[in-house]
């Protein structure tokens, strides 16, 4: 995990987002919405997808990233 976060910090690109047309059950997640919401609090997002946006736990996100590498 630490190596992954180091890589994101070194190679990641800062992106700005357009205002949301939808609202998430936990408004604190909204600034981070892009293609997916990664949350350890799945009770706020019980579905696997919401308005076309994937809802992933940190472990699910890491599995998706492993498949892409």
C-alpha atoms as a PDB file:
ATOM      1  CA  UNK A   1       0.000   0.000   0.000  1.00  0.00           C
ATOM      2  CA  UNK A   2       2.779   2.416   0.901  1.00  0.00           C
ATOM      3  CA  UNK A   3       4.526   1.783  -2.430  1.00  0.00           C
ATOM      4  CA  UNK A   4       1.265   2.388  -4.283  1.00  0.00           C
ATOM      5  CA  UNK A   5       0.647   5.685  -2.491  1.00  0.00           C
ATOM      6  CA  UNK A   6       4.242   6.773  -3.156  1.00  0.00           C
ATOM      7  CA  UNK A   7       3.725   6.065  -6.853  1.00  0.00           C
ATOM      8  CA  UNK A   8       0.463   8.024  -6.911  1.00  0.00           C
ATOM      9  CA  UNK A   9       2.192  10.957  -5.228  1.00  0.00           C
ATOM     10  CA  UNK A  10       5.113  10.866  -7.673  1.00  0.00           C
ATOM     11  CA  UNK A  11       3.248  10.172 -10.904  1.00  0.00           C
ATOM     12  CA  UNK A  12      -0.314  11.313 -10.253  1.00  0.00           C
ATOM     13  CA  UNK A  13      -1.798  14.266 -12.046  1.00  0.00           C
ATOM     14  CA  UNK A  14      -3.837  16.942 -10.345  1.00  0.00           C
ATOM     15  CA  UNK A  15      -7.263  17.233 -11.922  1.00  0.00           C
ATOM     16  CA  UNK A  16     -10.128  19.589 -11.322  1.00  0.00           C
ATOM     17  CA  UNK A  17     -13.694  18.367 -11.410  1.00  0.00           C
ATOM     18  CA  UNK A  18     -16.925  19.866 -12.660  1.00  0.00           C
ATOM     19  CA  UNK A  19     -19.670  20.436 -10.083  1.00  0.00           C
ATOM     20  CA  UNK A  20     -21.766  17.348  -9.490  1.00  0.00           C
ATOM     21  CA  UNK A  21     -25.268  17.025 -10.847  1.00  0.00           C
ATOM     22  CA  UNK A  22     -25.959  14.329  -8.260  1.00  0.00           C
ATOM     23  CA  UNK A  23     -25.532  14.134  -4.508  1.00  0.00           C
ATOM     24  CA  UNK A  24     -23.974  11.219  -2.670  1.00  0.00           C
ATOM     25  CA  UNK A  25     -25.353   9.827   0.591  1.00  0.00           C
ATOM     26  CA  UNK A  26     -22.214  11.115   2.350  1.00  0.00           C
ATOM     27  CA  UNK A  27     -21.584  14.690   1.127  1.00  0.00           C
ATOM     28  CA  UNK A  28     -17.967  14.459   2.336  1.00  0.00           C
ATOM     29  CA  UNK A  29     -17.338  12.019  -0.551  1.00  0.00           C
ATOM     30  CA  UNK A  30     -18.511  14.440  -3.233  1.00  0.00           C
ATOM     31  CA  UNK A  31     -15.219  16.347  -3.738  1.00  0.00           C
ATOM     32  CA  UNK A  32     -13.510  13.053  -4.591  1.00  0.00           C
ATOM     33  CA  UNK A  33     -16.025  11.773  -7.112  1.00  0.00           C
ATOM     34  CA  UNK A  34     -14.670  11.003 -10.574  1.00  0.00           C
ATOM     35  CA  UNK A  35     -14.975   7.497 -11.954  1.00  0.00           C
ATOM     36  CA  UNK A  36     -15.289   5.852  -8.560  1.00  0.00           C
ATOM     37  CA  UNK A  37     -15.789   6.551  -4.892  1.00  0.00           C
ATOM     38  CA  UNK A  38     -13.371   4.650  -2.667  1.00  0.00           C
ATOM     39  CA  UNK A  39     -14.795   4.405   0.812  1.00  0.00           C
ATOM     40  CA  UNK A  40     -14.333   2.337   3.931  1.00  0.00           C
ATOM     41  CA  UNK A  41     -17.854   3.302   4.939  1.00  0.00           C
ATOM     42  CA  UNK A  42     -19.966   1.232   2.553  1.00  0.00           C
ATOM     43  CA  UNK A  43     -23.118   1.706   4.632  1.00  0.00           C
ATOM     44  CA  UNK A  44     -23.462   5.140   2.977  1.00  0.00           C
ATOM     45  CA  UNK A  45     -23.132   3.531  -0.454  1.00  0.00           C
ATOM     46  CA  UNK A  46     -24.613   0.015  -0.277  1.00  0.00           C
ATOM     47  CA  UNK A  47     -24.866  -0.387  -4.068  1.00  0.00           C
ATOM     48  CA  UNK A  48     -21.914  -1.366  -6.282  1.00  0.00           C
ATOM     49  CA  UNK A  49     -22.684   1.583  -8.533  1.00  0.00           C
ATOM     50  CA  UNK A  50     -24.549   4.877  -8.189  1.00  0.00           C
ATOM     51  CA  UNK A  51     -25.497   7.043 -11.173  1.00  0.00           C
ATOM     52  CA  UNK A  52     -22.810   5.286 -13.246  1.00  0.00           C
ATOM     53  CA  UNK A  53     -20.098   5.771 -10.608  1.00  0.00           C
ATOM     54  CA  UNK A  54     -18.460   2.676  -9.102  1.00  0.00           C
ATOM     55  CA  UNK A  55     -18.493   2.379  -5.307  1.00  0.00           C
ATOM     56  CA  UNK A  56     -15.376   0.530  -4.109  1.00  0.00           C
ATOM     57  CA  UNK A  57     -13.854  -0.368  -0.762  1.00  0.00           C
ATOM     58  CA  UNK A  58     -10.116   0.326  -0.464  1.00  0.00           C
ATOM     59  CA  UNK A  59      -9.419  -3.412  -0.951  1.00  0.00           C
ATOM     60  CA  UNK A  60     -11.625  -3.544  -4.071  1.00  0.00           C
ATOM     61  CA  UNK A  61      -9.845  -0.473  -5.457  1.00  0.00           C
ATOM     62  CA  UNK A  62      -6.439  -2.084  -4.957  1.00  0.00           C
ATOM     63  CA  UNK A  63      -7.632  -5.255  -6.731  1.00  0.00           C
ATOM     64  CA  UNK A  64      -8.822  -3.179  -9.701  1.00  0.00           C
ATOM     65  CA  UNK A  65      -5.482  -1.371  -9.790  1.00  0.00           C
ATOM     66  CA  UNK A  66      -3.551  -4.682  -9.669  1.00  0.00           C
ATOM     67  CA  UNK A  67      -5.445  -5.872 -12.741  1.00  0.00           C
ATOM     68  CA  UNK A  68      -4.506  -2.688 -14.658  1.00  0.00           C
ATOM     69  CA  UNK A  69      -0.781  -2.905 -13.892  1.00  0.00           C
END
